[in-house]
Amino acid sequence: MIKSGSPYEVAKVLRDLYAIKFKSEKDLSYGERRLMDQAKSLLVKELALAKKVTEAAVEQEIEAMFSVDAAAAG
């Protein structure tokens, strides 16, 4: 899905990996962590360019979204 180049598909991969990370009692595997980092990096860069903001701002936004989701699920 990441190789498709579609930000929508990359976001779906990131969402699914965050869901595994927070709903599972075990940690992500090395491959899953690498995939999550890659998906997050690609999405941050794409959104930063589209929104004309810094990558740090987008990364904070993403972290905030998933921390709210994790708190609600926990």
C-alpha atoms as a PDB file:
ATOM      1  CA  MET A   1       0.000   0.000   0.000  1.00  0.00           C
ATOM      2  CA  ILE A   2       2.831   2.416   0.732  1.00  0.00           C
ATOM      3  CA  LYS A   3       4.338   1.913  -2.707  1.00  0.00           C
ATOM      4  CA  SER A   4       1.094   3.104  -4.288  1.00  0.00           C
ATOM      5  CA  GLY A   5       2.163   6.669  -3.505  1.00  0.00           C
ATOM      6  CA  SER A   6      -1.352   7.591  -2.431  1.00  0.00           C
ATOM      7  CA  PRO A   7      -1.423   9.605   0.818  1.00  0.00           C
ATOM      8  CA  TYR A   8      -4.791   7.995   1.555  1.00  0.00           C
ATOM      9  CA  GLU A   9      -3.314   4.493   1.338  1.00  0.00           C
ATOM     10  CA  VAL A  10      -0.281   5.503   3.414  1.00  0.00           C
ATOM     11  CA  ALA A  11      -2.612   6.952   6.070  1.00  0.00           C
ATOM     12  CA  LYS A  12      -4.546   3.671   6.161  1.00  0.00           C
ATOM     13  CA  VAL A  13      -1.316   1.738   6.762  1.00  0.00           C
ATOM     14  CA  LEU A  14      -0.330   4.126   9.552  1.00  0.00           C
ATOM     15  CA  ARG A  15      -3.796   3.900  11.125  1.00  0.00           C
ATOM     16  CA  ASP A  16      -3.739   0.113  11.058  1.00  0.00           C
ATOM     17  CA  LEU A  17      -0.275  -0.095  12.589  1.00  0.00           C
ATOM     18  CA  TYR A  18      -1.212   2.335  15.360  1.00  0.00           C
ATOM     19  CA  ALA A  19      -4.288   0.194  16.035  1.00  0.00           C
ATOM     20  CA  ILE A  20      -2.109  -2.903  16.348  1.00  0.00           C
ATOM     21  CA  LYS A  21       0.331  -1.040  18.584  1.00  0.00           C
ATOM     22  CA  PHE A  22      -2.288   0.177  21.050  1.00  0.00           C
ATOM     23  CA  LYS A  23      -4.762  -2.714  21.007  1.00  0.00           C
ATOM     24  CA  SER A  24      -2.226  -5.502  21.189  1.00  0.00           C
ATOM     25  CA  GLU A  25      -0.514  -6.602  24.368  1.00  0.00           C
ATOM     26  CA  LYS A  26       2.709  -7.217  22.473  1.00  0.00           C
ATOM     27  CA  ASP A  27       5.038  -4.728  20.862  1.00  0.00           C
ATOM     28  CA  LEU A  28       5.249  -4.255  17.118  1.00  0.00           C
ATOM     29  CA  SER A  29       7.825  -6.389  15.362  1.00  0.00           C
ATOM     30  CA  TYR A  30      10.924  -4.766  13.916  1.00  0.00           C
ATOM     31  CA  GLY A  31       9.421  -4.902  10.421  1.00  0.00           C
ATOM     32  CA  GLU A  32       6.149  -3.385  11.605  1.00  0.00           C
ATOM     33  CA  ARG A  33       7.996  -0.567  13.399  1.00  0.00           C
ATOM     34  CA  ARG A  34      10.013   0.176  10.265  1.00  0.00           C
ATOM     35  CA  LEU A  35       6.870   0.177   8.148  1.00  0.00           C
ATOM     36  CA  MET A  36       5.148   2.489  10.632  1.00  0.00           C
ATOM     37  CA  ASP A  37       8.107   4.886  10.642  1.00  0.00           C
ATOM     38  CA  GLN A  38       8.211   4.888   6.847  1.00  0.00           C
ATOM     39  CA  ALA A  39       4.470   5.472   6.519  1.00  0.00           C
ATOM     40  CA  LYS A  40       4.556   8.262   9.100  1.00  0.00           C
ATOM     41  CA  SER A  41       7.499   9.949   7.402  1.00  0.00           C
ATOM     42  CA  LEU A  42       5.864   9.833   3.973  1.00  0.00           C
ATOM     43  CA  LEU A  43       2.552  11.125   5.289  1.00  0.00           C
ATOM     44  CA  VAL A  44       4.176  13.918   7.304  1.00  0.00           C
ATOM     45  CA  LYS A  45       6.125  15.130   4.274  1.00  0.00           C
ATOM     46  CA  GLU A  46       3.091  15.003   1.998  1.00  0.00           C
ATOM     47  CA  LEU A  47       0.793  16.800   4.431  1.00  0.00           C
ATOM     48  CA  ALA A  48       3.406  19.435   5.294  1.00  0.00           C
ATOM     49  CA  LEU A  49       3.758  20.323   1.621  1.00  0.00           C
ATOM     50  CA  ALA A  50       0.019  20.332   1.019  1.00  0.00           C
ATOM     51  CA  LYS A  51      -0.804  22.401   4.098  1.00  0.00           C
ATOM     52  CA  LYS A  52       2.279  24.644   3.785  1.00  0.00           C
ATOM     53  CA  VAL A  53       3.329  24.045   7.379  1.00  0.00           C
ATOM     54  CA  THR A  54       6.400  22.501   8.970  1.00  0.00           C
ATOM     55  CA  GLU A  55       6.851  18.757   9.200  1.00  0.00           C
ATOM     56  CA  ALA A  56       7.118  19.110  12.978  1.00  0.00           C
ATOM     57  CA  ALA A  57       3.648  20.689  13.112  1.00  0.00           C
ATOM     58  CA  VAL A  58       2.145  17.860  11.088  1.00  0.00           C
ATOM     59  CA  GLU A  59       3.913  15.249  13.197  1.00  0.00           C
ATOM     60  CA  GLN A  60       2.520  16.818  16.377  1.00  0.00           C
ATOM     61  CA  GLU A  61      -0.957  16.785  14.847  1.00  0.00           C
ATOM     62  CA  ILE A  62      -0.684  13.096  13.976  1.00  0.00           C
ATOM     63  CA  GLU A  63       0.656  12.193  17.419  1.00  0.00           C
ATOM     64  CA  ALA A  64      -2.183  14.124  19.054  1.00  0.00           C
ATOM     65  CA  MET A  65      -4.785  12.297  16.949  1.00  0.00           C
ATOM     66  CA  PHE A  66      -3.459   8.884  17.833  1.00  0.00           C
ATOM     67  CA  SER A  67      -2.907   9.677  21.509  1.00  0.00           C
ATOM     68  CA  VAL A  68      -6.580  10.705  21.771  1.00  0.00           C
ATOM     69  CA  ASP A  69      -7.599   7.476  20.007  1.00  0.00           C
ATOM     70  CA  ALA A  70      -5.377   5.417  22.307  1.00  0.00           C
ATOM     71  CA  ALA A  71      -6.802   7.069  25.427  1.00  0.00           C
ATOM     72  CA  ALA A  72     -10.357   6.466  24.217  1.00  0.00           C
ATOM     73  CA  ALA A  73      -9.628   2.825  23.382  1.00  0.00           C
ATOM     74  CA  GLY A  74      -7.760   2.146  26.636  1.00  0.00           C
END
